Amino acid sequence: MDDGRQPIETTRRMELNRKLRRAFVEARGLTKAEARRALGVDEQRPLVLVMGGAGRQGSTVVRRLCEDGLPVRVLTDEPTSDETQALRQLGVELVHGSLDDRAFLDQALNGVDALFMVLDQTDAGPSGRLRRGKAIGDAAKQAGVQHVVYSAGTGSDHHIISCDRSNKIEDHLRELGLPLTVLRPVTIMEEIPWYWLNWLGREAVLATPYAATTRMPMICVDDVGGLAALAIAAPGQFRGRTIEIAGDRASMAEVADLLTQELHQAVRVTEVQVEGVFMLAETDEPSVDIPWLRSVYPELRTVSTWLALGGGLELCRRALARQAV
């Protein structure tokens, strides 16, 4: 795994230090605005529209923005879903409508300063996602949005699938001249319990389309949301940049060893072929500046700290328990 990873005890100390710094600010009587200026955060409290706010990435961004005290508007097409109801409890403004309705997009973007967009919906297909991405960009340009943070579909280490249209969407946003930050998440750590960790008979296996020794960048969903929220709150560090984001580099063999230790259950790696998924040649080469990412976002998790402190171990336990039924 990445040589710059933080040991679990170090991560715990960092979390304690953040709490102590917060307490110090409160004890000194600083206002929120003064504290935000000290942190380099935009004190104008921009209104942020989150598209895809009920999804895995988007809901994390919403939660982080709310923790930062920013006003948030969430666009959703499922007003009665459990995910949407959970967002309502955060006190965000919810707007309901279709991404295919340009008049609705104009209405949703009215008065918005910053936009977070992730197009991970599967209902529209590749051409539909491209159409939606372009329409969102056009509406954002017309609305005068000051900063767009786009979480693109893949990084150079991840699945390259023939139906991906994120590069074309990114190109369109740039052609419009929108102030843009593109975050390219690499392999998501949550894919371990979502897709890879299974029972094969009585044996726990990590079945992935990757060779056991291929070391690949990985990031957890919570850190994708945290970095996106940071890019929105402190745009000066991020605007105009395209950034591949990861918190660790690990092989599937290393991940299996960690799971074996944490689950107290032997986990074996097996390689499977998945149609449309393959690895680029540069995957095993360093391509993500993890030290820089950790310098601006110290809570960036490794696979080890995601398992121990980020809820990953519980997700893995649930996945195995669910499949054992």
Protein backbone atom coordinates (compact mmCIF):
# COMPACT_ATOMS: atom_id res chain seq x y z
CA MET A 1 0.00 0.00 0.00
CA ASP A 2 0.99 3.62 -0.41
CA ASP A 3 4.14 4.48 1.52
CA GLY A 4 2.52 7.74 2.68
CA ARG A 5 -0.37 6.06 4.43
CA GLN A 6 -1.22 7.16 7.93
CA PRO A 7 -1.19 4.48 10.66
CA ILE A 8 -4.48 4.05 12.49
CA GLU A 9 -3.13 5.68 15.67
CA THR A 10 -1.90 8.66 13.64
CA THR A 11 -5.35 9.04 12.08
CA ARG A 12 -6.96 8.95 15.51
CA ARG A 13 -4.55 11.66 16.71
CA MET A 14 -5.40 13.78 13.64
CA GLU A 15 -9.11 13.49 14.40
CA LEU A 16 -8.46 14.44 18.04
CA ASN A 17 -6.33 17.41 16.95
CA ARG A 18 -9.13 18.66 14.70
CA LYS A 19 -11.54 18.51 17.63
CA LEU A 20 -9.04 20.34 19.83
CA ARG A 21 -8.52 23.06 17.20
CA ARG A 22 -12.28 23.49 16.92
CA ALA A 23 -12.56 23.78 20.69
CA PHE A 24 -9.72 26.33 20.72
CA VAL A 25 -11.49 28.47 18.12
CA GLU A 26 -14.68 28.36 20.15
CA ALA A 27 -12.81 29.19 23.36
CA ARG A 28 -11.14 32.19 21.73
CA GLY A 29 -14.55 33.47 20.72
CA LEU A 30 -13.86 33.60 16.98
CA THR A 31 -16.90 33.99 14.80
CA LYS A 32 -17.64 31.38 12.15
CA ALA A 33 -16.68 33.91 9.48
CA GLU A 34 -13.32 34.54 11.17
CA ALA A 35 -12.69 30.82 11.47
CA ARG A 36 -13.61 30.25 7.83
CA ARG A 37 -11.24 33.03 6.72
CA ALA A 38 -8.45 31.44 8.77
CA LEU A 39 -9.09 28.17 6.96
CA GLY A 40 -9.14 29.82 3.54
CA VAL A 41 -12.80 28.96 3.04
CA ASP A 42 -15.10 31.18 1.00
CA GLU A 43 -16.90 33.29 3.60
CA GLN A 44 -19.66 34.37 1.21
CA ARG A 45 -21.45 31.06 1.82
CA PRO A 46 -22.25 30.28 -1.81
CA LEU A 47 -25.46 28.45 -2.62
CA VAL A 48 -24.48 25.01 -3.89
CA LEU A 49 -26.63 22.84 -6.14
CA VAL A 50 -25.86 19.12 -5.92
CA MET A 51 -27.04 17.01 -8.82
CA GLY A 52 -27.18 13.35 -7.95
CA GLY A 53 -27.52 14.26 -4.28
CA ALA A 54 -29.42 11.10 -3.39
CA GLY A 55 -26.71 8.84 -4.82
CA ARG A 56 -23.66 7.41 -3.11
CA GLN A 57 -21.26 10.20 -4.05
CA GLY A 58 -23.76 13.02 -4.06
CA SER A 59 -25.22 12.29 -0.63
CA THR A 60 -21.72 12.34 0.86
CA VAL A 61 -21.05 15.73 -0.77
CA VAL A 62 -24.33 17.06 0.62
CA ARG A 63 -23.49 15.90 4.12
CA ARG A 64 -19.98 17.41 4.00
CA LEU A 65 -21.27 20.75 2.66
CA CYS A 66 -23.87 20.88 5.43
CA GLU A 67 -21.15 20.20 7.99
CA ASP A 68 -19.25 23.16 6.50
CA GLY A 69 -22.32 25.34 7.02
CA LEU A 70 -22.97 25.99 3.31
CA PRO A 71 -26.52 26.34 1.99
CA VAL A 72 -27.33 23.36 -0.23
CA ARG A 73 -29.98 22.73 -2.85
CA VAL A 74 -30.41 19.15 -4.04
CA LEU A 75 -31.92 18.12 -7.33
CA THR A 76 -33.65 14.75 -7.20
CA ASP A 77 -36.11 12.86 -9.37
CA GLU A 78 -37.18 10.55 -6.53
CA PRO A 79 -38.91 12.75 -3.93
CA THR A 80 -40.25 9.84 -1.87
CA SER A 81 -37.13 7.66 -1.72
CA ASP A 82 -35.49 6.83 1.60
CA GLU A 83 -32.32 8.59 0.44
CA THR A 84 -34.24 11.78 -0.32
CA GLN A 85 -35.99 11.68 3.05
CA ALA A 86 -32.60 11.37 4.75
CA LEU A 87 -31.45 14.48 2.92
CA ARG A 88 -34.55 16.32 4.10
CA GLN A 89 -33.46 15.69 7.69
CA LEU A 90 -30.27 17.67 6.96
CA GLY A 91 -32.33 20.78 6.25
CA VAL A 92 -31.34 21.12 2.60
CA GLU A 93 -33.56 22.61 -0.08
CA LEU A 94 -35.00 19.85 -2.28
CA VAL A 95 -36.16 20.40 -5.85
CA HIS A 96 -37.84 17.62 -7.78
CA GLY A 97 -37.77 17.20 -11.52
CA SER A 98 -36.16 15.57 -14.52
CA LEU A 99 -32.64 16.09 -15.82
CA ASP A 100 -34.16 15.87 -19.30
CA ASP A 101 -36.30 18.99 -18.70
CA ARG A 102 -34.30 22.10 -19.64
CA ALA A 103 -36.84 24.47 -18.08
CA PHE A 104 -36.53 22.59 -14.81
CA LEU A 105 -32.72 22.75 -14.97
CA ASP A 106 -32.92 26.53 -15.46
CA GLN A 107 -35.20 26.81 -12.45
CA ALA A 108 -32.99 24.58 -10.28
CA LEU A 109 -29.87 26.60 -11.16
CA ASN A 110 -31.45 29.98 -10.49
CA GLY A 111 -29.33 31.85 -7.94
CA VAL A 112 -26.77 29.04 -7.66
CA ASP A 113 -23.12 29.97 -7.15
CA ALA A 114 -21.51 26.52 -7.29
CA LEU A 115 -22.57 23.22 -8.83
CA PHE A 116 -21.56 19.67 -8.03
CA MET A 117 -22.49 17.14 -10.67
CA VAL A 118 -22.04 13.40 -10.93
CA LEU A 119 -23.86 11.45 -13.60
CA ASP A 120 -23.96 7.91 -12.27
CA GLN A 121 -27.54 7.19 -13.23
CA THR A 122 -28.06 4.03 -15.28
CA ASP A 123 -31.55 4.76 -16.58
CA ALA A 124 -30.51 6.98 -19.50
CA GLY A 125 -27.74 4.90 -21.08
CA PRO A 126 -24.52 6.34 -22.54
CA SER A 127 -26.17 8.71 -25.02
CA GLY A 128 -28.64 9.92 -22.40
CA ARG A 129 -25.91 10.67 -19.88
CA LEU A 130 -23.99 12.61 -22.51
CA ARG A 131 -27.11 14.56 -23.44
CA ARG A 132 -27.82 15.32 -19.80
CA GLY A 133 -24.26 16.39 -19.08
CA LYS A 134 -24.27 18.82 -21.97
CA ALA A 135 -27.69 20.21 -21.02
CA ILE A 136 -26.59 20.75 -17.41
CA GLY A 137 -23.48 22.58 -18.64
CA ASP A 138 -25.52 24.78 -20.97
CA ALA A 139 -27.95 25.67 -18.18
CA ALA A 140 -25.10 26.36 -15.73
CA LYS A 141 -23.45 28.68 -18.25
CA GLN A 142 -26.69 30.59 -18.79
CA ALA A 143 -27.28 30.83 -15.01
CA GLY A 144 -23.82 32.34 -14.45
CA VAL A 145 -22.61 29.58 -12.12
CA GLN A 146 -19.21 30.59 -10.74
CA HIS A 147 -17.74 27.14 -10.16
CA VAL A 148 -18.61 23.65 -11.42
CA VAL A 149 -17.14 20.60 -9.69
CA TYR A 150 -17.59 17.57 -11.90
CA SER A 151 -16.91 14.08 -10.60
CA ALA A 152 -15.97 12.29 -13.80
CA GLY A 153 -16.63 8.63 -14.36
CA THR A 154 -13.17 7.08 -14.33
CA GLY A 155 -9.51 7.62 -13.64
CA SER A 156 -6.65 6.17 -15.66
CA ASP A 157 -6.38 3.19 -13.30
CA HIS A 158 -10.01 2.21 -13.25
CA HIS A 159 -12.50 0.43 -15.46
CA ILE A 160 -12.51 1.77 -19.00
CA ILE A 161 -15.95 0.84 -20.27
CA SER A 162 -17.13 1.41 -23.81
CA CYS A 163 -20.24 3.23 -22.61
CA ASP A 164 -18.38 5.88 -20.58
CA ARG A 165 -19.01 9.44 -21.81
CA SER A 166 -17.37 11.46 -19.03
CA ASN A 167 -14.53 12.75 -21.23
CA LYS A 168 -16.97 14.15 -23.79
CA ILE A 169 -18.97 15.81 -21.03
CA GLU A 170 -15.79 17.30 -19.58
CA ASP A 171 -14.78 18.60 -23.03
CA HIS A 172 -18.17 20.27 -23.43
CA LEU A 173 -17.96 21.97 -20.05
CA ARG A 174 -14.54 23.35 -20.94
CA GLU A 175 -15.71 24.53 -24.35
CA LEU A 176 -18.44 26.53 -22.61
CA GLY A 177 -15.76 28.34 -20.59
CA LEU A 178 -17.25 27.36 -17.24
CA PRO A 179 -14.99 27.76 -14.17
CA LEU A 180 -14.38 24.06 -13.74
CA THR A 181 -12.80 21.54 -11.39
CA VAL A 182 -12.77 17.94 -12.56
CA LEU A 183 -12.26 15.26 -9.94
CA ARG A 184 -11.47 11.83 -11.32
CA PRO A 185 -12.05 9.23 -8.60
CA VAL A 186 -10.06 6.06 -9.11
CA THR A 187 -11.20 2.63 -7.95
CA ILE A 188 -13.70 3.05 -5.12
CA MET A 189 -12.88 1.12 -1.93
CA GLU A 190 -16.57 0.38 -1.40
CA GLU A 191 -16.47 -1.80 -4.51
CA ILE A 192 -14.85 -4.40 -2.24
CA PRO A 193 -18.08 -5.12 -0.30
CA TRP A 194 -20.42 -4.03 -3.11
CA TYR A 195 -19.09 -6.31 -5.81
CA TRP A 196 -15.91 -8.25 -5.06
CA LEU A 197 -16.16 -9.93 -1.67
CA ASN A 198 -18.09 -13.18 -1.96
CA TRP A 199 -18.45 -16.70 -0.67
CA LEU A 200 -17.28 -19.52 -2.92
CA GLY A 201 -18.66 -22.50 -1.10
CA ARG A 202 -17.31 -22.10 2.42
CA GLU A 203 -14.38 -19.96 1.29
CA ALA A 204 -14.34 -16.14 1.31
CA VAL A 205 -12.92 -14.83 -1.96
CA LEU A 206 -12.04 -11.44 -3.38
CA ALA A 207 -13.12 -11.89 -7.01
CA THR A 208 -11.94 -8.97 -9.14
CA PRO A 209 -10.99 -8.31 -12.77
CA TYR A 210 -7.47 -7.37 -11.65
CA ALA A 211 -4.31 -9.41 -11.24
CA ALA A 212 -3.57 -10.10 -7.57
CA THR A 213 -0.26 -8.22 -7.62
CA THR A 214 -1.35 -5.16 -9.62
CA ARG A 215 -1.07 -2.15 -7.32
CA MET A 216 -3.83 0.32 -8.05
CA PRO A 217 -4.93 3.64 -6.59
CA MET A 218 -8.10 3.50 -4.48
CA ILE A 219 -10.32 5.99 -2.65
CA CYS A 220 -13.38 5.69 -0.42
CA VAL A 221 -16.67 7.39 -1.27
CA ASP A 222 -16.55 9.58 1.83
CA ASP A 223 -13.23 11.06 0.71
CA VAL A 224 -14.59 11.72 -2.79
CA GLY A 225 -17.34 13.73 -1.13
CA GLY A 226 -14.91 15.41 1.26
CA LEU A 227 -12.60 16.53 -1.55
CA ALA A 228 -15.53 17.73 -3.63
CA ALA A 229 -16.87 19.73 -0.71
CA LEU A 230 -13.39 21.18 -0.11
CA ALA A 231 -13.12 22.16 -3.78
CA ILE A 232 -16.43 24.02 -3.48
CA ALA A 233 -15.64 25.68 -0.13
CA ALA A 234 -12.07 26.66 -1.10
CA PRO A 235 -12.27 27.11 -4.88
CA GLY A 236 -8.99 28.99 -5.15
CA GLN A 237 -7.01 25.77 -4.66
CA PHE A 238 -9.03 23.75 -7.17
CA ARG A 239 -10.66 25.91 -9.84
CA GLY A 240 -9.32 25.22 -13.32
CA ARG A 241 -7.72 21.91 -12.37
CA THR A 242 -8.30 18.29 -13.33
CA ILE A 243 -7.28 16.07 -10.42
CA GLU A 244 -7.15 12.31 -10.20
CA ILE A 245 -7.98 11.47 -6.59
CA ALA A 246 -6.90 8.50 -4.47
CA GLY A 247 -6.04 7.80 -0.85
CA ASP A 248 -3.94 4.68 -1.19
CA ARG A 249 -2.24 2.31 -3.61
CA ALA A 250 -2.84 -1.37 -2.93
CA SER A 251 -2.86 -4.70 -4.72
CA MET A 252 -5.72 -7.14 -4.36
CA ALA A 253 -3.33 -9.47 -2.54
CA GLU A 254 -2.65 -6.73 0.03
CA VAL A 255 -6.36 -6.02 0.39
CA ALA A 256 -7.05 -9.73 0.92
CA ASP A 257 -4.38 -9.86 3.64
CA LEU A 258 -6.00 -6.89 5.41
CA LEU A 259 -9.45 -8.49 5.17
CA THR A 260 -8.07 -11.75 6.53
CA GLN A 261 -6.66 -9.90 9.54
CA GLU A 262 -9.71 -7.76 10.22
CA LEU A 263 -12.43 -10.35 9.51
CA HIS A 264 -10.57 -13.19 11.24
CA GLN A 265 -11.49 -15.17 8.16
CA ALA A 266 -9.14 -16.30 5.40
CA VAL A 267 -9.83 -14.36 2.19
CA ARG A 268 -8.41 -15.61 -1.11
CA VAL A 269 -7.91 -13.53 -4.28
CA THR A 270 -9.26 -14.82 -7.57
CA GLU A 271 -9.19 -13.04 -10.92
CA VAL A 272 -12.33 -13.04 -13.03
CA GLN A 273 -13.04 -11.58 -16.45
CA VAL A 274 -15.75 -8.93 -16.70
CA GLU A 275 -16.97 -7.93 -20.12
CA GLY A 276 -15.96 -4.37 -21.03
CA VAL A 277 -13.57 -3.99 -18.11
CA PHE A 278 -9.80 -4.06 -18.47
CA MET A 279 -6.74 -2.42 -16.99
CA LEU A 280 -4.65 0.18 -18.75
CA ALA A 281 -0.91 -0.42 -18.98
CA GLU A 282 -0.15 2.61 -16.81
CA THR A 283 -2.28 1.37 -13.91
CA ASP A 284 0.68 -0.03 -12.01
CA GLU A 285 2.65 3.22 -12.41
CA PRO A 286 2.33 6.13 -9.94
CA SER A 287 -0.21 8.55 -11.44
CA VAL A 288 -1.89 10.17 -8.44
CA ASP A 289 -0.25 12.74 -6.18
CA ILE A 290 -1.44 11.21 -2.91
CA PRO A 291 0.96 13.24 -0.72
CA TRP A 292 -0.45 16.51 -2.11
CA LEU A 293 -4.02 15.32 -1.66
CA ARG A 294 -3.27 14.39 1.93
CA SER A 295 -1.64 17.78 2.54
CA VAL A 296 -4.86 19.61 1.61
CA TYR A 297 -7.18 16.93 3.00
CA PRO A 298 -5.41 15.23 5.95
CA GLU A 299 -8.25 12.81 6.73
CA LEU A 300 -7.71 11.02 3.40
CA ARG A 301 -8.07 7.32 4.19
CA THR A 302 -5.94 4.35 3.24
CA VAL A 303 -7.54 0.93 2.77
CA SER A 304 -6.44 0.09 6.31
CA THR A 305 -7.96 3.20 7.93
CA TRP A 306 -11.10 2.90 5.77
CA LEU A 307 -11.61 -0.60 7.17
CA ALA A 308 -10.81 0.39 10.75
CA LEU A 309 -12.31 3.88 11.01
CA GLY A 310 -14.31 4.58 7.86
CA GLY A 311 -16.97 1.91 8.12
CA GLY A 312 -15.38 -0.37 5.54
CA LEU A 313 -15.04 -3.37 7.84
CA GLU A 314 -18.72 -3.22 8.78
CA LEU A 315 -19.69 -3.05 5.10
CA CYS A 316 -17.57 -6.13 4.41
CA ARG A 317 -19.11 -8.02 7.31
CA ARG A 318 -22.60 -7.16 6.11
CA ALA A 319 -21.76 -8.24 2.57
CA LEU A 320 -20.58 -11.67 3.70
CA ALA A 321 -23.49 -12.08 6.09
CA ARG A 322 -25.98 -11.16 3.37
CA GLN A 323 -24.50 -13.64 0.91
CA ALA A 324 -24.40 -16.41 3.51
CA VAL A 325 -28.20 -16.35 3.91
